[in-house]
PDB file of N, CA and C in Angstrom:
ATOM      1  N   MET A   1      12.312  28.991  48.842  1.00  0.00           N
ATOM      2  CA  MET A   1      12.757  28.654  50.175  1.00  0.00           C
ATOM      3  C   MET A   1      12.580  27.144  50.369  1.00  0.00           C
ATOM      4  N   ASN A   2      13.577  26.468  50.870  1.00  0.00           N
ATOM      5  CA  ASN A   2      13.460  25.026  51.035  1.00  0.00           C
ATOM      6  C   ASN A   2      12.936  24.677  52.434  1.00  0.00           C
ATOM      7  N   ALA A   3      12.738  23.400  52.667  1.00  0.00           N
ATOM      8  CA  ALA A   3      12.151  22.946  53.931  1.00  0.00           C
ATOM      9  C   ALA A   3      13.033  23.289  55.129  1.00  0.00           C
ATOM     10  N   ARG A   4      14.333  23.337  54.895  1.00  0.00           N
ATOM     11  CA  ARG A   4      15.253  23.593  55.997  1.00  0.00           C
ATOM     12  C   ARG A   4      15.200  25.051  56.450  1.00  0.00           C
ATOM     13  N   THR A   5      14.837  25.957  55.588  1.00  0.00           N
ATOM     14  CA  THR A   5      14.857  27.381  55.930  1.00  0.00           C
ATOM     15  C   THR A   5      13.476  27.989  56.105  1.00  0.00           C
ATOM     16  N   HIS A   6      12.423  27.216  56.016  1.00  0.00           N
ATOM     17  CA  HIS A   6      11.096  27.830  56.025  1.00  0.00           C
ATOM     18  C   HIS A   6      10.755  28.549  57.329  1.00  0.00           C
ATOM     19  N   HIS A   7      11.421  28.216  58.436  1.00  0.00           N
ATOM     20  CA  HIS A   7      11.187  28.919  59.699  1.00  0.00           C
ATOM     21  C   HIS A   7      12.146  30.089  59.882  1.00  0.00           C
ATOM     22  N   TYR A   8      13.070  30.254  58.990  1.00  0.00           N
ATOM     23  CA  TYR A   8      14.106  31.284  59.118  1.00  0.00           C
ATOM     24  C   TYR A   8      14.073  32.210  57.909  1.00  0.00           C
ATOM     25  N   GLU A   9      14.552  33.419  58.113  1.00  0.00           N
ATOM     26  CA  GLU A   9      14.560  34.389  57.017  1.00  0.00           C
ATOM     27  C   GLU A   9      15.653  34.104  56.004  1.00  0.00           C
ATOM     28  N   THR A  10      16.763  33.553  56.466  1.00  0.00           N
ATOM     29  CA  THR A  10      17.876  33.307  55.541  1.00  0.00           C
ATOM     30  C   THR A  10      18.440  31.909  55.738  1.00  0.00           C
ATOM     31  N   GLU A  11      19.170  31.470  54.742  1.00  0.00           N
ATOM     32  CA  GLU A  11      19.869  30.188  54.820  1.00  0.00           C
ATOM     33  C   GLU A  11      20.894  30.218  55.953  1.00  0.00           C
ATOM     34  N   GLU A  12      21.523  31.370  56.163  1.00  0.00           N
ATOM     35  CA  GLU A  12      22.524  31.499  57.224  1.00  0.00           C
ATOM     36  C   GLU A  12      21.890  31.300  58.602  1.00  0.00           C
ATOM     37  N   GLN A  13      20.706  31.868  58.815  1.00  0.00           N
ATOM     38  CA  GLN A  13      20.013  31.685  60.092  1.00  0.00           C
ATOM     39  C   GLN A  13      19.662  30.211  60.311  1.00  0.00           C
ATOM     40  N   ALA A  14      19.240  29.564  59.259  1.00  0.00           N
ATOM     41  CA  ALA A  14      18.919  28.139  59.352  1.00  0.00           C
ATOM     42  C   ALA A  14      20.169  27.336  59.688  1.00  0.00           C
ATOM     43  N   ALA A  15      21.288  27.682  59.059  1.00  0.00           N
ATOM     44  CA  ALA A  15      22.541  26.969  59.313  1.00  0.00           C
ATOM     45  C   ALA A  15      23.002  27.173  60.754  1.00  0.00           C
ATOM     46  N   VAL A  16      22.895  28.395  61.249  1.00  0.00           N
ATOM     47  CA  VAL A  16      23.285  28.680  62.637  1.00  0.00           C
ATOM     48  C   VAL A  16      22.411  27.876  63.601  1.00  0.00           C
ATOM     49  N   ALA A  17      21.119  27.855  63.353  1.00  0.00           N
ATOM     50  CA  ALA A  17      20.207  27.100  64.217  1.00  0.00           C
ATOM     51  C   ALA A  17      20.533  25.608  64.181  1.00  0.00           C
ATOM     52  N   TRP A  18      20.778  25.101  62.996  1.00  0.00           N
ATOM     53  CA  TRP A  18      21.126  23.682  62.840  1.00  0.00           C
ATOM     54  C   TRP A  18      22.416  23.361  63.586  1.00  0.00           C
ATOM     55  N   ASN A  19      23.434  24.189  63.406  1.00  0.00           N
ATOM     56  CA  ASN A  19      24.715  23.963  64.071  1.00  0.00           C
ATOM     57  C   ASN A  19      24.587  24.079  65.586  1.00  0.00           C
ATOM     58  N   THR A  20      23.771  25.011  66.045  1.00  0.00           N
ATOM     59  CA  THR A  20      23.557  25.167  67.485  1.00  0.00           C
ATOM     60  C   THR A  20      22.921  23.909  68.071  1.00  0.00           C
ATOM     61  N   ARG A  21      21.906  23.385  67.400  1.00  0.00           N
ATOM     62  CA  ARG A  21      21.272  22.146  67.867  1.00  0.00           C
ATOM     63  C   ARG A  21      22.275  20.997  67.858  1.00  0.00           C
ATOM     64  N   SER A  22      23.069  20.912  66.807  1.00  0.00           N
ATOM     65  CA  SER A  22      24.060  19.840  66.706  1.00  0.00           C
ATOM     66  C   SER A  22      25.083  19.927  67.830  1.00  0.00           C
ATOM     67  N   LEU A  23      25.531  21.132  68.140  1.00  0.00           N
ATOM     68  CA  LEU A  23      26.502  21.318  69.219  1.00  0.00           C
ATOM     69  C   LEU A  23      25.907  20.966  70.579  1.00  0.00           C
ATOM     70  N   ARG A  24      24.644  21.287  70.788  1.00  0.00           N
ATOM     71  CA  ARG A  24      23.988  20.930  72.057  1.00  0.00           C
ATOM     72  C   ARG A  24      23.905  19.414  72.223  1.00  0.00           C
ATOM     73  N   VAL A  25      23.568  18.725  71.156  1.00  0.00           N
ATOM     74  CA  VAL A  25      23.509  17.264  71.207  1.00  0.00           C
ATOM     75  C   VAL A  25      24.895  16.702  71.492  1.00  0.00           C
ATOM     76  N   LEU A  26      25.898  17.202  70.805  1.00  0.00           N
ATOM     77  CA  LEU A  26      27.265  16.736  71.014  1.00  0.00           C
ATOM     78  C   LEU A  26      27.727  17.003  72.440  1.00  0.00           C
ATOM     79  N   ALA A  27      27.425  18.162  72.981  1.00  0.00           N
ATOM     80  CA  ALA A  27      27.807  18.496  74.359  1.00  0.00           C
ATOM     81  C   ALA A  27      27.132  17.551  75.348  1.00  0.00           C
ATOM     82  N   SER A  28      25.885  17.240  75.105  1.00  0.00           N
ATOM     83  CA  SER A  28      25.154  16.326  75.975  1.00  0.00           C
ATOM     84  C   SER A  28      25.763  14.927  75.926  1.00  0.00           C
ATOM     85  N   GLU A  29      26.079  14.462  74.725  1.00  0.00           N
ATOM     86  CA  GLU A  29      26.694  13.143  74.569  1.00  0.00           C
ATOM     87  C   GLU A  29      28.074  13.110  75.214  1.00  0.00           C
ATOM     88  N   THR A  30      28.827  14.190  75.074  1.00  0.00           N
ATOM     89  CA  THR A  30      30.161  14.267  75.663  1.00  0.00           C
ATOM     90  C   THR A  30      30.071  14.226  77.186  1.00  0.00           C
ATOM     91  N   ALA A  31      29.134  14.941  77.753  1.00  0.00           N
ATOM     92  CA  ALA A  31      28.951  14.946  79.208  1.00  0.00           C
ATOM     93  C   ALA A  31      28.559  13.556  79.707  1.00  0.00           C
ATOM     94  N   ALA A  32      27.692  12.887  78.982  1.00  0.00           N
ATOM     95  CA  ALA A  32      27.277  11.539  79.373  1.00  0.00           C
ATOM     96  C   ALA A  32      28.461  10.578  79.321  1.00  0.00           C
ATOM     97  N   GLU A  33      29.280  10.687  78.297  1.00  0.00           N
ATOM     98  CA  GLU A  33      30.463   9.827  78.179  1.00  0.00           C
ATOM     99  C   GLU A  33      31.458  10.130  79.296  1.00  0.00           C
ATOM    100  N   ARG A  34      31.641  11.404  79.621  1.00  0.00           N
ATOM    101  CA  ARG A  34      32.540  11.785  80.713  1.00  0.00           C
ATOM    102  C   ARG A  34      32.052  11.178  82.028  1.00  0.00           C
ATOM    103  N   ASP A  35      30.753  11.245  82.281  1.00  0.00           N
ATOM    104  CA  ASP A  35      30.196  10.676  83.504  1.00  0.00           C
ATOM    105  C   ASP A  35      30.378   9.166  83.539  1.00  0.00           C
ATOM    106  N   ARG A  36      30.186   8.518  82.398  1.00  0.00           N
ATOM    107  CA  ARG A  36      30.376   7.066  82.335  1.00  0.00           C
ATOM    108  C   ARG A  36      31.827   6.700  82.612  1.00  0.00           C
ATOM    109  N   LEU A  37      32.752   7.470  82.046  1.00  0.00           N
ATOM    110  CA  LEU A  37      34.170   7.197  82.265  1.00  0.00           C
ATOM    111  C   LEU A  37      34.577   7.435  83.714  1.00  0.00           C
ATOM    112  N   LYS A  38      33.958   8.389  84.375  1.00  0.00           N
ATOM    113  CA  LYS A  38      34.233   8.605  85.798  1.00  0.00           C
ATOM    114  C   LYS A  38      33.846   7.374  86.609  1.00  0.00           C
ATOM    115  N   VAL A  39      32.693   6.788  86.282  1.00  0.00           N
ATOM    116  CA  VAL A  39      32.239   5.587  86.983  1.00  0.00           C
ATOM    117  C   VAL A  39      33.204   4.435  86.725  1.00  0.00           C
ATOM    118  N   VAL A  40      33.591   4.242  85.482  1.00  0.00           N
ATOM    119  CA  VAL A  40      34.531   3.172  85.135  1.00  0.00           C
ATOM    120  C   VAL A  40      35.861   3.389  85.852  1.00  0.00           C
ATOM    121  N   ASN A  41      36.338   4.628  85.886  1.00  0.00           N
ATOM    122  CA  ASN A  41      37.592   4.938  86.561  1.00  0.00           C
ATOM    123  C   ASN A  41      37.501   4.585  88.045  1.00  0.00           C
ATOM    124  N   GLU A  42      36.409   4.939  88.681  1.00  0.00           N
ATOM    125  CA  GLU A  42      36.221   4.631  90.101  1.00  0.00           C
ATOM    126  C   GLU A  42      36.212   3.120  90.328  1.00  0.00           C
ATOM    127  N   GLN A  43      35.568   2.382  89.442  1.00  0.00           N
ATOM    128  CA  GLN A  43      35.548   0.925  89.561  1.00  0.00           C
ATOM    129  C   GLN A  43      36.952   0.350  89.410  1.00  0.00           C
ATOM    130  N   LEU A  44      37.724   0.880  88.477  1.00  0.00           N
ATOM    131  CA  LEU A  44      39.100   0.407  88.302  1.00  0.00           C
ATOM    132  C   LEU A  44      39.949   0.706  89.528  1.00  0.00           C
ATOM    133  N   VAL A  45      39.770   1.871  90.115  1.00  0.00           N
ATOM    134  CA  VAL A  45      40.505   2.227  91.327  1.00  0.00           C
ATOM    135  C   VAL A  45      40.176   1.233  92.439  1.00  0.00           C
ATOM    136  N   GLU A  46      38.905   0.910  92.601  1.00  0.00           N
ATOM    137  CA  GLU A  46      38.500  -0.042  93.635  1.00  0.00           C
ATOM    138  C   GLU A  46      39.119  -1.418  93.404  1.00  0.00           C
ATOM    139  N   VAL A  47      39.133  -1.873  92.168  1.00  0.00           N
ATOM    140  CA  VAL A  47      39.727  -3.176  91.851  1.00  0.00           C
ATOM    141  C   VAL A  47      41.222  -3.164  92.154  1.00  0.00           C
ATOM    142  N   LEU A  48      41.906  -2.094  91.776  1.00  0.00           N
ATOM    143  CA  LEU A  48      43.341  -2.004  92.055  1.00  0.00           C
ATOM    144  C   LEU A  48      43.616  -1.983  93.552  1.00  0.00           C
ATOM    145  N   GLU A  49      42.797  -1.287  94.305  1.00  0.00           N
ATOM    146  CA  GLU A  49      42.980  -1.259  95.757  1.00  0.00           C
ATOM    147  C   GLU A  49      42.763  -2.638  96.365  1.00  0.00           C
ATOM    148  N   MET A  50      41.731  -3.345  95.912  1.00  0.00           N
ATOM    149  CA  MET A  50      41.482  -4.700  96.423  1.00  0.00           C
ATOM    150  C   MET A  50      42.630  -5.633  96.063  1.00  0.00           C
ATOM    151  N   ALA A  51      43.138  -5.511  94.850  1.00  0.00           N
ATOM    152  CA  ALA A  51      44.259  -6.353  94.428  1.00  0.00           C
ATOM    153  C   ALA A  51      45.493  -6.071  95.278  1.00  0.00           C
ATOM    154  N   ALA A  52      45.746  -4.810  95.572  1.00  0.00           N
ATOM    155  CA  ALA A  52      46.900  -4.450  96.400  1.00  0.00           C
ATOM    156  C   ALA A  52      46.747  -5.016  97.809  1.00  0.00           C
ATOM    157  N   GLU A  53      45.551  -4.916  98.373  1.00  0.00           N
ATOM    158  CA  GLU A  53      45.305  -5.469  99.707  1.00  0.00           C
ATOM    159  C   GLU A  53      45.471  -6.984  99.706  1.00  0.00           C
ATOM    160  N   HIS A  54      44.979  -7.633  98.678  1.00  0.00           N
ATOM    161  CA  HIS A  54      45.088  -9.088  98.567  1.00  0.00           C
ATOM    162  C   HIS A  54      46.554  -9.509  98.491  1.00  0.00           C
ATOM    163  N   CYS A  55      47.325  -8.834  97.664  1.00  0.00           N
ATOM    164  CA  CYS A  55      48.748  -9.166  97.531  1.00  0.00           C
ATOM    165  C   CYS A  55      49.484  -8.945  98.846  1.00  0.00           C
ATOM    166  N   ALA A  56      49.125  -7.899  99.563  1.00  0.00           N
ATOM    167  CA  ALA A  56      49.802  -7.584 100.821  1.00  0.00           C
ATOM    168  C   ALA A  56      49.577  -8.668 101.872  1.00  0.00           C
ATOM    169  N   MET A  57      48.501  -9.432 101.756  1.00  0.00           N
ATOM    170  CA  MET A  57      48.236 -10.497 102.725  1.00  0.00           C
ATOM    171  C   MET A  57      49.203 -11.668 102.561  1.00  0.00           C
ATOM    172  N   PHE A  58      49.786 -11.831 101.396  1.00  0.00           N
ATOM    173  CA  PHE A  58      50.583 -13.015 101.116  1.00  0.00           C
ATOM    174  C   PHE A  58      52.068 -12.746 100.919  1.00  0.00           C
ATOM    175  N   VAL A  59      52.428 -11.532 100.650  1.00  0.00           N
ATOM    176  CA  VAL A  59      53.812 -11.237 100.282  1.00  0.00           C
ATOM    177  C   VAL A  59      54.312 -10.045 101.090  1.00  0.00           C
ATOM    178  N   ARG A  60      55.495 -10.180 101.641  1.00  0.00           N
ATOM    179  CA  ARG A  60      56.142  -9.044 102.307  1.00  0.00           C
ATOM    180  C   ARG A  60      56.921  -8.294 101.231  1.00  0.00           C
ATOM    181  N   PRO A  61      56.498  -7.063 100.920  1.00  0.00           N
ATOM    182  CA  PRO A  61      57.144  -6.339  99.820  1.00  0.00           C
ATOM    183  C   PRO A  61      58.554  -5.859 100.173  1.00  0.00           C
ATOM    184  N   THR A  62      59.380  -5.784  99.149  1.00  0.00           N
ATOM    185  CA  THR A  62      60.706  -5.181  99.314  1.00  0.00           C
ATOM    186  C   THR A  62      60.528  -3.669  99.419  1.00  0.00           C
ATOM    187  N   ASN A  63      61.587  -2.976  99.785  1.00  0.00           N
ATOM    188  CA  ASN A  63      61.518  -1.511  99.865  1.00  0.00           C
ATOM    189  C   ASN A  63      61.146  -0.910  98.510  1.00  0.00           C
ATOM    190  N   GLU A  64      61.701  -1.472  97.447  1.00  0.00           N
ATOM    191  CA  GLU A  64      61.395  -0.982  96.098  1.00  0.00           C
ATOM    192  C   GLU A  64      59.920  -1.202  95.762  1.00  0.00           C
ATOM    193  N   GLU A  65      59.406  -2.376  96.108  1.00  0.00           N
ATOM    194  CA  GLU A  65      57.995  -2.664  95.847  1.00  0.00           C
ATOM    195  C   GLU A  65      57.081  -1.775  96.691  1.00  0.00           C
ATOM    196  N   GLU A  66      57.498  -1.517  97.939  1.00  0.00           N
ATOM    197  CA  GLU A  66      56.697  -0.643  98.796  1.00  0.00           C
ATOM    198  C   GLU A  66      56.686   0.786  98.250  1.00  0.00           C
ATOM    199  N   ALA A  67      57.817   1.240  97.728  1.00  0.00           N
ATOM    200  CA  ALA A  67      57.877   2.575  97.120  1.00  0.00           C
ATOM    201  C   ALA A  67      56.969   2.634  95.891  1.00  0.00           C
ATOM    202  N   LEU A  68      56.988   1.581  95.094  1.00  0.00           N
ATOM    203  CA  LEU A  68      56.107   1.514  93.930  1.00  0.00           C
ATOM    204  C   LEU A  68      54.640   1.537  94.367  1.00  0.00           C
ATOM    205  N   ALA A  69      54.330   0.792  95.417  1.00  0.00           N
ATOM    206  CA  ALA A  69      52.959   0.768  95.929  1.00  0.00           C
ATOM    207  C   ALA A  69      52.531   2.158  96.398  1.00  0.00           C
ATOM    208  N   GLU A  70      53.430   2.877  97.047  1.00  0.00           N
ATOM    209  CA  GLU A  70      53.114   4.244  97.481  1.00  0.00           C
ATOM    210  C   GLU A  70      52.830   5.141  96.276  1.00  0.00           C
ATOM    211  N   ASN A  71      53.626   4.979  95.229  1.00  0.00           N
ATOM    212  CA  ASN A  71      53.395   5.761  94.008  1.00  0.00           C
ATOM    213  C   ASN A  71      52.037   5.430  93.391  1.00  0.00           C
ATOM    214  N   ILE A  72      51.694   4.165  93.407  1.00  0.00           N
ATOM    215  CA  ILE A  72      50.399   3.749  92.864  1.00  0.00           C
ATOM    216  C   ILE A  72      49.268   4.323  93.707  1.00  0.00           C
ATOM    217  N   ARG A  73      49.405   4.254  95.032  1.00  0.00           N
ATOM    218  CA  ARG A  73      48.368   4.817  95.905  1.00  0.00           C
ATOM    219  C   ARG A  73      48.209   6.314  95.659  1.00  0.00           C
ATOM    220  N   ALA A  74      49.325   7.007  95.494  1.00  0.00           N
ATOM    221  CA  ALA A  74      49.260   8.450  95.213  1.00  0.00           C
ATOM    222  C   ALA A  74      48.555   8.705  93.881  1.00  0.00           C
ATOM    223  N   ALA A  75      48.837   7.871  92.888  1.00  0.00           N
ATOM    224  CA  ALA A  75      48.180   8.018  91.585  1.00  0.00           C
ATOM    225  C   ALA A  75      46.678   7.747  91.706  1.00  0.00           C
ATOM    226  N   LEU A  76      46.310   6.788  92.548  1.00  0.00           N
ATOM    227  CA  LEU A  76      44.891   6.498  92.749  1.00  0.00           C
ATOM    228  C   LEU A  76      44.181   7.667  93.422  1.00  0.00           C
ATOM    229  N   VAL A  77      44.855   8.301  94.363  1.00  0.00           N
ATOM    230  CA  VAL A  77      44.276   9.487  95.003  1.00  0.00           C
ATOM    231  C   VAL A  77      44.059  10.575  93.959  1.00  0.00           C
ATOM    232  N   GLU A  78      45.042  10.787  93.097  1.00  0.00           N
ATOM    233  CA  GLU A  78      44.911  11.790  92.031  1.00  0.00           C
ATOM    234  C   GLU A  78      43.781  11.431  91.068  1.00  0.00           C
ATOM    235  N   ALA A  79      43.634  10.141  90.789  1.00  0.00           N
ATOM    236  CA  ALA A  79      42.593   9.696  89.852  1.00  0.00           C
ATOM    237  C   ALA A  79      41.196   9.982  90.391  1.00  0.00           C
ATOM    238  N   ARG A  80      41.067  10.043  91.694  1.00  0.00           N
ATOM    239  CA  ARG A  80      39.757  10.292  92.301  1.00  0.00           C
ATOM    240  C   ARG A  80      39.396  11.764  92.341  1.00  0.00           C
ATOM    241  N   LYS A  81      40.356  12.624  92.107  1.00  0.00           N
ATOM    242  CA  LYS A  81      40.068  14.057  92.148  1.00  0.00           C
ATOM    243  C   LYS A  81      39.215  14.438  90.942  1.00  0.00           C
ATOM    244  N   PRO A  82      38.261  15.347  91.168  1.00  0.00           N
ATOM    245  CA  PRO A  82      37.393  15.760  90.050  1.00  0.00           C
ATOM    246  C   PRO A  82      38.137  16.523  88.977  1.00  0.00           C
TER     247      PRO A  82
END
């Protein structure tokens, strides 16, 4: 019996335990990355909103530009949904 299986009756049990631990670590890392990306996404949304407000102070948009802005605002609302 090798060091990897000394707590288990079979090599298969050791492999299952090892894979289970590996999957738990991966799931934890994935969740942390997802949470980090949510924060980054929220920051990007805020920057885009500030940029849109800033541009609106100096330029009167055309109807086409206003329609595009509405589409962007709708996309930002969708981006904030969980």
